[in-house]
Amino acid sequence: MTTMTFDQFYREVYLPRHLDKACRAMHVLGLVASVAYVVFVVWLQIWWLLVFAPVLTYLIAWVGHLLVHNTPTFFEFPVWSFAGYWKMIGEIITGRI
């Protein structure tokens, strides 16, 4: 059994499932929606609602996968997918992808 590094996972598994610009756009939109939600919850000062902040990010990102007909990596590699998401967002923001 071969052990995969995070870099291999990111290049060989994560990025290939996020090649479509619509899928990547939905991932970014999910992040923006969650940030807006957090700002709204902080403004309302109903702190327990913060536990739902990640739901928007994942829900909208999964819709992106539905649009392009592929499977999110989260179900197979939850921890690495979380890290891959943030790496991909960073690369989108910096213009690397």
PDB file of N, CA and C in Angstrom:
ATOM      1  N   MET A   1       0.830  -1.181   0.000  1.00  0.00           N
ATOM      2  CA  MET A   1       0.000   0.000   0.000  1.00  0.00           C
ATOM      3  C   MET A   1       0.879   1.250   0.000  1.00  0.00           C
ATOM      4  N   THR A   2       0.608   2.142  -0.920  1.00  0.00           N
ATOM      5  CA  THR A   2       1.376   3.367  -1.053  1.00  0.00           C
ATOM      6  C   THR A   2       0.710   4.481  -0.261  1.00  0.00           C
ATOM      7  N   THR A   3       1.516   5.231   0.458  1.00  0.00           N
ATOM      8  CA  THR A   3       1.005   6.363   1.208  1.00  0.00           C
ATOM      9  C   THR A   3       1.040   7.600   0.322  1.00  0.00           C
ATOM     10  N   MET A   4      -0.061   8.304   0.298  1.00  0.00           N
ATOM     11  CA  MET A   4      -0.167   9.515  -0.509  1.00  0.00           C
ATOM     12  C   MET A   4       0.128  10.728   0.375  1.00  0.00           C
ATOM     13  N   THR A   5       0.914  11.656  -0.135  1.00  0.00           N
ATOM     14  CA  THR A   5       1.158  12.896   0.587  1.00  0.00           C
ATOM     15  C   THR A   5       0.032  13.877   0.276  1.00  0.00           C
ATOM     16  N   PHE A   6      -0.044  14.943   1.063  1.00  0.00           N
ATOM     17  CA  PHE A   6      -1.064  15.954   0.794  1.00  0.00           C
ATOM     18  C   PHE A   6      -0.855  16.583  -0.581  1.00  0.00           C
ATOM     19  N   ASP A   7       0.370  16.862  -0.940  1.00  0.00           N
ATOM     20  CA  ASP A   7       0.638  17.464  -2.253  1.00  0.00           C
ATOM     21  C   ASP A   7       0.171  16.561  -3.387  1.00  0.00           C
ATOM     22  N   GLN A   8       0.404  15.261  -3.255  1.00  0.00           N
ATOM     23  CA  GLN A   8      -0.088  14.321  -4.267  1.00  0.00           C
ATOM     24  C   GLN A   8      -1.615  14.331  -4.303  1.00  0.00           C
ATOM     25  N   PHE A   9      -2.230  14.283  -3.143  1.00  0.00           N
ATOM     26  CA  PHE A   9      -3.688  14.332  -3.068  1.00  0.00           C
ATOM     27  C   PHE A   9      -4.213  15.588  -3.753  1.00  0.00           C
ATOM     28  N   TYR A  10      -3.610  16.704  -3.437  1.00  0.00           N
ATOM     29  CA  TYR A  10      -4.077  17.984  -3.982  1.00  0.00           C
ATOM     30  C   TYR A  10      -3.960  18.012  -5.509  1.00  0.00           C
ATOM     31  N   ARG A  11      -2.816  17.601  -6.024  1.00  0.00           N
ATOM     32  CA  ARG A  11      -2.586  17.617  -7.476  1.00  0.00           C
ATOM     33  C   ARG A  11      -3.359  16.538  -8.220  1.00  0.00           C
ATOM     34  N   GLU A  12      -3.407  15.323  -7.659  1.00  0.00           N
ATOM     35  CA  GLU A  12      -3.943  14.170  -8.394  1.00  0.00           C
ATOM     36  C   GLU A  12      -5.415  13.875  -8.120  1.00  0.00           C
ATOM     37  N   VAL A  13      -5.929  14.317  -6.974  1.00  0.00           N
ATOM     38  CA  VAL A  13      -7.315  13.998  -6.616  1.00  0.00           C
ATOM     39  C   VAL A  13      -8.158  15.265  -6.506  1.00  0.00           C
ATOM     40  N   TYR A  14      -7.703  16.220  -5.704  1.00  0.00           N
ATOM     41  CA  TYR A  14      -8.524  17.395  -5.412  1.00  0.00           C
ATOM     42  C   TYR A  14      -8.683  18.312  -6.632  1.00  0.00           C
ATOM     43  N   LEU A  15      -7.582  18.768  -7.181  1.00  0.00           N
ATOM     44  CA  LEU A  15      -7.680  19.711  -8.311  1.00  0.00           C
ATOM     45  C   LEU A  15      -8.404  19.138  -9.531  1.00  0.00           C
ATOM     46  N   PRO A  16      -8.194  17.873  -9.902  1.00  0.00           N
ATOM     47  CA  PRO A  16      -8.937  17.349 -11.051  1.00  0.00           C
ATOM     48  C   PRO A  16     -10.459  17.406 -10.873  1.00  0.00           C
ATOM     49  N   ARG A  17     -10.932  17.343  -9.643  1.00  0.00           N
ATOM     50  CA  ARG A  17     -12.375  17.433  -9.407  1.00  0.00           C
ATOM     51  C   ARG A  17     -12.848  18.882  -9.304  1.00  0.00           C
ATOM     52  N   HIS A  18     -11.920  19.808  -9.456  1.00  0.00           N
ATOM     53  CA  HIS A  18     -12.256  21.224  -9.380  1.00  0.00           C
ATOM     54  C   HIS A  18     -11.724  21.988 -10.595  1.00  0.00           C
ATOM     55  N   LEU A  19     -11.642  21.316 -11.725  1.00  0.00           N
ATOM     56  CA  LEU A  19     -11.141  21.968 -12.939  1.00  0.00           C
ATOM     57  C   LEU A  19     -12.150  22.945 -13.527  1.00  0.00           C
ATOM     58  N   ASP A  20     -13.418  22.626 -13.411  1.00  0.00           N
ATOM     59  CA  ASP A  20     -14.461  23.452 -13.994  1.00  0.00           C
ATOM     60  C   ASP A  20     -14.582  24.775 -13.225  1.00  0.00           C
ATOM     61  N   LYS A  21     -14.605  25.871 -13.974  1.00  0.00           N
ATOM     62  CA  LYS A  21     -14.673  27.189 -13.346  1.00  0.00           C
ATOM     63  C   LYS A  21     -15.969  27.393 -12.571  1.00  0.00           C
ATOM     64  N   ALA A  22     -17.052  26.789 -13.020  1.00  0.00           N
ATOM     65  CA  ALA A  22     -18.333  26.911 -12.305  1.00  0.00           C
ATOM     66  C   ALA A  22     -18.238  26.244 -10.937  1.00  0.00           C
ATOM     67  N   CYS A  23     -17.581  25.118 -10.869  1.00  0.00           N
ATOM     68  CA  CYS A  23     -17.404  24.416  -9.598  1.00  0.00           C
ATOM     69  C   CYS A  23     -16.561  25.266  -8.645  1.00  0.00           C
ATOM     70  N   ARG A  24     -15.457  25.792  -9.147  1.00  0.00           N
ATOM     71  CA  ARG A  24     -14.601  26.643  -8.301  1.00  0.00           C
ATOM     72  C   ARG A  24     -15.339  27.898  -7.874  1.00  0.00           C
ATOM     73  N   ALA A  25     -16.135  28.477  -8.767  1.00  0.00           N
ATOM     74  CA  ALA A  25     -16.899  29.683  -8.430  1.00  0.00           C
ATOM     75  C   ALA A  25     -17.896  29.397  -7.312  1.00  0.00           C
ATOM     76  N   MET A  26     -18.510  28.231  -7.339  1.00  0.00           N
ATOM     77  CA  MET A  26     -19.460  27.877  -6.283  1.00  0.00           C
ATOM     78  C   MET A  26     -18.738  27.690  -4.946  1.00  0.00           C
ATOM     79  N   HIS A  27     -17.507  27.211  -4.966  1.00  0.00           N
ATOM     80  CA  HIS A  27     -16.732  27.094  -3.737  1.00  0.00           C
ATOM     81  C   HIS A  27     -16.435  28.479  -3.159  1.00  0.00           C
ATOM     82  N   VAL A  28     -16.071  29.411  -4.010  1.00  0.00           N
ATOM     83  CA  VAL A  28     -15.812  30.775  -3.555  1.00  0.00           C
ATOM     84  C   VAL A  28     -17.108  31.411  -3.054  1.00  0.00           C
ATOM     85  N   LEU A  29     -18.190  31.222  -3.785  1.00  0.00           N
ATOM     86  CA  LEU A  29     -19.486  31.767  -3.369  1.00  0.00           C
ATOM     87  C   LEU A  29     -19.899  31.217  -2.004  1.00  0.00           C
ATOM     88  N   GLY A  30     -19.646  29.945  -1.761  1.00  0.00           N
ATOM     89  CA  GLY A  30     -19.945  29.355  -0.459  1.00  0.00           C
ATOM     90  C   GLY A  30     -19.197  30.042   0.663  1.00  0.00           C
ATOM     91  N   LEU A  31     -17.933  30.356   0.423  1.00  0.00           N
ATOM     92  CA  LEU A  31     -17.139  31.057   1.428  1.00  0.00           C
ATOM     93  C   LEU A  31     -17.696  32.452   1.673  1.00  0.00           C
ATOM     94  N   VAL A  32     -18.015  33.163   0.600  1.00  0.00           N
ATOM     95  CA  VAL A  32     -18.564  34.517   0.729  1.00  0.00           C
ATOM     96  C   VAL A  32     -19.898  34.483   1.489  1.00  0.00           C
ATOM     97  N   ALA A  33     -20.743  33.515   1.181  1.00  0.00           N
ATOM     98  CA  ALA A  33     -22.029  33.377   1.864  1.00  0.00           C
ATOM     99  C   ALA A  33     -21.825  33.109   3.354  1.00  0.00           C
ATOM    100  N   SER A  34     -20.863  32.276   3.689  1.00  0.00           N
ATOM    101  CA  SER A  34     -20.604  31.978   5.098  1.00  0.00           C
ATOM    102  C   SER A  34     -20.065  33.196   5.841  1.00  0.00           C
ATOM    103  N   VAL A  35     -19.211  33.952   5.193  1.00  0.00           N
ATOM    104  CA  VAL A  35     -18.695  35.175   5.824  1.00  0.00           C
ATOM    105  C   VAL A  35     -19.843  36.154   6.073  1.00  0.00           C
ATOM    106  N   ALA A  36     -20.717  36.324   5.082  1.00  0.00           N
ATOM    107  CA  ALA A  36     -21.875  37.213   5.250  1.00  0.00           C
ATOM    108  C   ALA A  36     -22.768  36.716   6.387  1.00  0.00           C
ATOM    109  N   TYR A  37     -22.964  35.408   6.462  1.00  0.00           N
ATOM    110  CA  TYR A  37     -23.772  34.819   7.526  1.00  0.00           C
ATOM    111  C   TYR A  37     -23.152  35.113   8.893  1.00  0.00           C
ATOM    112  N   VAL A  38     -21.843  34.928   9.016  1.00  0.00           N
ATOM    113  CA  VAL A  38     -21.157  35.184  10.291  1.00  0.00           C
ATOM    114  C   VAL A  38     -21.303  36.652  10.685  1.00  0.00           C
ATOM    115  N   VAL A  39     -21.136  37.551   9.734  1.00  0.00           N
ATOM    116  CA  VAL A  39     -21.295  38.981  10.024  1.00  0.00           C
ATOM    117  C   VAL A  39     -22.713  39.256  10.533  1.00  0.00           C
ATOM    118  N   PHE A  40     -23.700  38.668   9.886  1.00  0.00           N
ATOM    119  CA  PHE A  40     -25.097  38.856  10.291  1.00  0.00           C
ATOM    120  C   PHE A  40     -25.345  38.304  11.694  1.00  0.00           C
ATOM    121  N   VAL A  41     -24.827  37.121  11.993  1.00  0.00           N
ATOM    122  CA  VAL A  41     -24.998  36.511  13.311  1.00  0.00           C
ATOM    123  C   VAL A  41     -24.314  37.350  14.385  1.00  0.00           C
ATOM    124  N   VAL A  42     -23.136  37.860  14.097  1.00  0.00           N
ATOM    125  CA  VAL A  42     -22.430  38.720  15.047  1.00  0.00           C
ATOM    126  C   VAL A  42     -23.237  40.003  15.279  1.00  0.00           C
ATOM    127  N   TRP A  43     -23.779  40.555  14.220  1.00  0.00           N
ATOM    128  CA  TRP A  43     -24.606  41.763  14.348  1.00  0.00           C
ATOM    129  C   TRP A  43     -25.831  41.497  15.228  1.00  0.00           C
ATOM    130  N   LEU A  44     -26.454  40.328  15.041  1.00  0.00           N
ATOM    131  CA  LEU A  44     -27.614  39.948  15.854  1.00  0.00           C
ATOM    132  C   LEU A  44     -27.226  39.544  17.275  1.00  0.00           C
ATOM    133  N   GLN A  45     -25.977  39.149  17.449  1.00  0.00           N
ATOM    134  CA  GLN A  45     -25.445  38.656  18.715  1.00  0.00           C
ATOM    135  C   GLN A  45     -26.185  37.406  19.204  1.00  0.00           C
ATOM    136  N   ILE A  46     -26.500  36.538  18.270  1.00  0.00           N
ATOM    137  CA  ILE A  46     -27.089  35.239  18.604  1.00  0.00           C
ATOM    138  C   ILE A  46     -25.986  34.203  18.331  1.00  0.00           C
ATOM    139  N   TRP A  47     -25.101  34.072  19.292  1.00  0.00           N
ATOM    140  CA  TRP A  47     -23.840  33.377  19.115  1.00  0.00           C
ATOM    141  C   TRP A  47     -23.992  31.908  18.773  1.00  0.00           C
ATOM    142  N   TRP A  48     -24.996  31.237  19.266  1.00  0.00           N
ATOM    143  CA  TRP A  48     -25.134  29.806  19.008  1.00  0.00           C
ATOM    144  C   TRP A  48     -25.359  29.515  17.529  1.00  0.00           C
ATOM    145  N   LEU A  49     -25.837  30.507  16.775  1.00  0.00           N
ATOM    146  CA  LEU A  49     -26.049  30.313  15.338  1.00  0.00           C
ATOM    147  C   LEU A  49     -24.737  30.181  14.557  1.00  0.00           C
ATOM    148  N   LEU A  50     -23.624  30.542  15.183  1.00  0.00           N
ATOM    149  CA  LEU A  50     -22.326  30.419  14.512  1.00  0.00           C
ATOM    150  C   LEU A  50     -21.982  28.970  14.168  1.00  0.00           C
ATOM    151  N   VAL A  51     -22.566  28.019  14.879  1.00  0.00           N
ATOM    152  CA  VAL A  51     -22.263  26.614  14.586  1.00  0.00           C
ATOM    153  C   VAL A  51     -22.718  26.219  13.180  1.00  0.00           C
ATOM    154  N   PHE A  52     -23.643  26.979  12.596  1.00  0.00           N
ATOM    155  CA  PHE A  52     -24.146  26.659  11.263  1.00  0.00           C
ATOM    156  C   PHE A  52     -23.353  27.329  10.129  1.00  0.00           C
ATOM    157  N   ALA A  53     -22.361  28.120  10.460  1.00  0.00           N
ATOM    158  CA  ALA A  53     -21.596  28.842   9.429  1.00  0.00           C
ATOM    159  C   ALA A  53     -20.985  27.918   8.375  1.00  0.00           C
ATOM    160  N   PRO A  54     -20.393  26.785   8.736  1.00  0.00           N
ATOM    161  CA  PRO A  54     -19.806  25.917   7.698  1.00  0.00           C
ATOM    162  C   PRO A  54     -20.843  25.281   6.767  1.00  0.00           C
ATOM    163  N   VAL A  55     -22.075  25.204   7.213  1.00  0.00           N
ATOM    164  CA  VAL A  55     -23.113  24.552   6.406  1.00  0.00           C
ATOM    165  C   VAL A  55     -23.267  25.246   5.059  1.00  0.00           C
ATOM    166  N   LEU A  56     -23.289  26.569   5.055  1.00  0.00           N
ATOM    167  CA  LEU A  56     -23.426  27.303   3.790  1.00  0.00           C
ATOM    168  C   LEU A  56     -22.269  27.017   2.849  1.00  0.00           C
ATOM    169  N   THR A  57     -21.068  27.020   3.384  1.00  0.00           N
ATOM    170  CA  THR A  57     -19.895  26.770   2.540  1.00  0.00           C
ATOM    171  C   THR A  57     -20.001  25.405   1.862  1.00  0.00           C
ATOM    172  N   TYR A  58     -20.264  24.373   2.645  1.00  0.00           N
ATOM    173  CA  TYR A  58     -20.328  23.022   2.086  1.00  0.00           C
ATOM    174  C   TYR A  58     -21.526  22.831   1.174  1.00  0.00           C
ATOM    175  N   LEU A  59     -22.664  23.376   1.552  1.00  0.00           N
ATOM    176  CA  LEU A  59     -23.865  23.211   0.734  1.00  0.00           C
ATOM    177  C   LEU A  59     -23.677  23.828  -0.654  1.00  0.00           C
ATOM    178  N   ILE A  60     -23.186  25.041  -0.692  1.00  0.00           N
ATOM    179  CA  ILE A  60     -23.002  25.716  -1.983  1.00  0.00           C
ATOM    180  C   ILE A  60     -21.886  25.051  -2.789  1.00  0.00           C
ATOM    181  N   ALA A  61     -20.816  24.615  -2.129  1.00  0.00           N
ATOM    182  CA  ALA A  61     -19.740  23.917  -2.837  1.00  0.00           C
ATOM    183  C   ALA A  61     -20.251  22.603  -3.429  1.00  0.00           C
ATOM    184  N   TRP A  62     -21.079  21.881  -2.684  1.00  0.00           N
ATOM    185  CA  TRP A  62     -21.616  20.622  -3.197  1.00  0.00           C
ATOM    186  C   TRP A  62     -22.557  20.850  -4.371  1.00  0.00           C
ATOM    187  N   VAL A  63     -23.271  21.965  -4.368  1.00  0.00           N
ATOM    188  CA  VAL A  63     -24.104  22.315  -5.527  1.00  0.00           C
ATOM    189  C   VAL A  63     -23.195  22.500  -6.746  1.00  0.00           C
ATOM    190  N   GLY A  64     -22.041  23.095  -6.538  1.00  0.00           N
ATOM    191  CA  GLY A  64     -21.068  23.233  -7.633  1.00  0.00           C
ATOM    192  C   GLY A  64     -20.669  21.900  -8.213  1.00  0.00           C
ATOM    193  N   HIS A  65     -20.495  20.908  -7.358  1.00  0.00           N
ATOM    194  CA  HIS A  65     -20.155  19.565  -7.844  1.00  0.00           C
ATOM    195  C   HIS A  65     -21.329  18.942  -8.593  1.00  0.00           C
ATOM    196  N   LEU A  66     -22.538  19.197  -8.136  1.00  0.00           N
ATOM    197  CA  LEU A  66     -23.715  18.696  -8.845  1.00  0.00           C
ATOM    198  C   LEU A  66     -23.809  19.301 -10.239  1.00  0.00           C
ATOM    199  N   LEU A  67     -23.483  20.577 -10.354  1.00  0.00           N
ATOM    200  CA  LEU A  67     -23.545  21.257 -11.654  1.00  0.00           C
ATOM    201  C   LEU A  67     -22.599  20.636 -12.674  1.00  0.00           C
ATOM    202  N   VAL A  68     -21.441  20.193 -12.215  1.00  0.00           N
ATOM    203  CA  VAL A  68     -20.446  19.643 -13.140  1.00  0.00           C
ATOM    204  C   VAL A  68     -20.401  18.118 -13.109  1.00  0.00           C
ATOM    205  N   HIS A  69     -21.316  17.524 -12.360  1.00  0.00           N
ATOM    206  CA  HIS A  69     -21.477  16.065 -12.332  1.00  0.00           C
ATOM    207  C   HIS A  69     -20.227  15.315 -11.874  1.00  0.00           C
ATOM    208  N   ASN A  70     -19.673  15.736 -10.742  1.00  0.00           N
ATOM    209  CA  ASN A  70     -18.598  14.949 -10.145  1.00  0.00           C
ATOM    210  C   ASN A  70     -18.806  14.851  -8.638  1.00  0.00           C
ATOM    211  N   THR A  71     -18.021  14.044  -7.992  1.00  0.00           N
ATOM    212  CA  THR A  71     -18.178  13.771  -6.567  1.00  0.00           C
ATOM    213  C   THR A  71     -17.195  14.597  -5.750  1.00  0.00           C
ATOM    214  N   PRO A  72     -17.683  15.243  -4.694  1.00  0.00           N
ATOM    215  CA  PRO A  72     -16.757  15.960  -3.814  1.00  0.00           C
ATOM    216  C   PRO A  72     -15.760  14.992  -3.168  1.00  0.00           C
ATOM    217  N   THR A  73     -14.565  15.453  -2.941  1.00  0.00           N
ATOM    218  CA  THR A  73     -13.545  14.617  -2.300  1.00  0.00           C
ATOM    219  C   THR A  73     -13.798  14.458  -0.809  1.00  0.00           C
ATOM    220  N   PHE A  74     -14.653  15.293  -0.258  1.00  0.00           N
ATOM    221  CA  PHE A  74     -14.910  15.287   1.186  1.00  0.00           C
ATOM    222  C   PHE A  74     -15.338  13.927   1.712  1.00  0.00           C
ATOM    223  N   PHE A  75     -16.100  13.186   0.935  1.00  0.00           N
ATOM    224  CA  PHE A  75     -16.605  11.901   1.404  1.00  0.00           C
ATOM    225  C   PHE A  75     -15.512  10.846   1.518  1.00  0.00           C
ATOM    226  N   GLU A  76     -14.462  10.995   0.743  1.00  0.00           N
ATOM    227  CA  GLU A  76     -13.355  10.040   0.776  1.00  0.00           C
ATOM    228  C   GLU A  76     -12.202  10.502   1.664  1.00  0.00           C
ATOM    229  N   PHE A  77     -11.938  11.798   1.648  1.00  0.00           N
ATOM    230  CA  PHE A  77     -10.790  12.370   2.358  1.00  0.00           C
ATOM    231  C   PHE A  77     -11.231  13.643   3.091  1.00  0.00           C
ATOM    232  N   PRO A  78     -11.995  13.539   4.169  1.00  0.00           N
ATOM    233  CA  PRO A  78     -12.550  14.742   4.798  1.00  0.00           C
ATOM    234  C   PRO A  78     -11.507  15.742   5.301  1.00  0.00           C
ATOM    235  N   VAL A  79     -10.463  15.276   5.932  1.00  0.00           N
ATOM    236  CA  VAL A  79      -9.462  16.195   6.495  1.00  0.00           C
ATOM    237  C   VAL A  79      -8.648  16.840   5.380  1.00  0.00           C
ATOM    238  N   TRP A  80      -8.171  16.038   4.450  1.00  0.00           N
ATOM    239  CA  TRP A  80      -7.388  16.594   3.352  1.00  0.00           C
ATOM    240  C   TRP A  80      -8.244  17.469   2.437  1.00  0.00           C
ATOM    241  N   SER A  81      -9.505  17.160   2.308  1.00  0.00           N
ATOM    242  CA  SER A  81     -10.389  17.986   1.493  1.00  0.00           C
ATOM    243  C   SER A  81     -10.567  19.364   2.108  1.00  0.00           C
ATOM    244  N   PHE A  82     -10.667  19.402   3.441  1.00  0.00           N
ATOM    245  CA  PHE A  82     -10.761  20.689   4.130  1.00  0.00           C
ATOM    246  C   PHE A  82      -9.512  21.521   3.849  1.00  0.00           C
ATOM    247  N   ALA A  83      -8.348  20.897   3.980  1.00  0.00           N
ATOM    248  CA  ALA A  83      -7.084  21.598   3.711  1.00  0.00           C
ATOM    249  C   ALA A  83      -6.973  21.960   2.228  1.00  0.00           C
ATOM    250  N   GLY A  84      -7.403  21.055   1.360  1.00  0.00           N
ATOM    251  CA  GLY A  84      -7.361  21.333  -0.078  1.00  0.00           C
ATOM    252  C   GLY A  84      -8.251  22.490  -0.469  1.00  0.00           C
ATOM    253  N   TYR A  85      -9.408  22.580   0.178  1.00  0.00           N
ATOM    254  CA  TYR A  85     -10.325  23.698  -0.078  1.00  0.00           C
ATOM    255  C   TYR A  85      -9.630  25.030   0.191  1.00  0.00           C
ATOM    256  N   TRP A  86      -8.997  25.135   1.343  1.00  0.00           N
ATOM    257  CA  TRP A  86      -8.346  26.399   1.694  1.00  0.00           C
ATOM    258  C   TRP A  86      -7.131  26.682   0.804  1.00  0.00           C
ATOM    259  N   LYS A  87      -6.428  25.646   0.415  1.00  0.00           N
ATOM    260  CA  LYS A  87      -5.296  25.846  -0.503  1.00  0.00           C
ATOM    261  C   LYS A  87      -5.811  26.329  -1.853  1.00  0.00           C
ATOM    262  N   MET A  88      -6.903  25.723  -2.352  1.00  0.00           N
ATOM    263  CA  MET A  88      -7.466  26.130  -3.626  1.00  0.00           C
ATOM    264  C   MET A  88      -7.993  27.571  -3.550  1.00  0.00           C
ATOM    265  N   ILE A  89      -8.677  27.922  -2.471  1.00  0.00           N
ATOM    266  CA  ILE A  89      -9.174  29.294  -2.308  1.00  0.00           C
ATOM    267  C   ILE A  89      -8.000  30.267  -2.335  1.00  0.00           C
ATOM    268  N   GLY A  90      -6.924  29.930  -1.632  1.00  0.00           N
ATOM    269  CA  GLY A  90      -5.733  30.780  -1.647  1.00  0.00           C
ATOM    270  C   GLY A  90      -5.151  30.935  -3.035  1.00  0.00           C
ATOM    271  N   GLU A  91      -5.127  29.863  -3.800  1.00  0.00           N
ATOM    272  CA  GLU A  91      -4.595  29.930  -5.161  1.00  0.00           C
ATOM    273  C   GLU A  91      -5.532  30.699  -6.082  1.00  0.00           C
ATOM    274  N   ILE A  92      -6.829  30.617  -5.851  1.00  0.00           N
ATOM    275  CA  ILE A  92      -7.779  31.414  -6.649  1.00  0.00           C
ATOM    276  C   ILE A  92      -7.575  32.899  -6.335  1.00  0.00           C
ATOM    277  N   ILE A  93      -7.473  33.241  -5.057  1.00  0.00           N
ATOM    278  CA  ILE A  93      -7.311  34.640  -4.657  1.00  0.00           C
ATOM    279  C   ILE A  93      -6.009  35.226  -5.187  1.00  0.00           C
ATOM    280  N   THR A  94      -4.936  34.427  -5.180  1.00  0.00           N
ATOM    281  CA  THR A  94      -3.644  34.926  -5.640  1.00  0.00           C
ATOM    282  C   THR A  94      -3.458  34.805  -7.156  1.00  0.00           C
ATOM    283  N   GLY A  95      -4.460  34.240  -7.840  1.00  0.00           N
ATOM    284  CA  GLY A  95      -4.398  34.134  -9.293  1.00  0.00           C
ATOM    285  C   GLY A  95      -3.570  32.973  -9.810  1.00  0.00           C
ATOM    286  N   ARG A  96      -3.203  32.047  -8.939  1.00  0.00           N
ATOM    287  CA  ARG A  96      -2.420  30.884  -9.396  1.00  0.00           C
ATOM    288  C   ARG A  96      -3.271  29.902 -10.176  1.00  0.00           C
ATOM    289  N   ILE A  97      -4.585  29.880  -9.895  1.00  0.00           N
ATOM    290  CA  ILE A  97      -5.522  29.074 -10.706  1.00  0.00           C
ATOM    291  C   ILE A  97      -6.759  29.912 -10.989  1.00  0.00           C
TER     292      ILE A  97
END
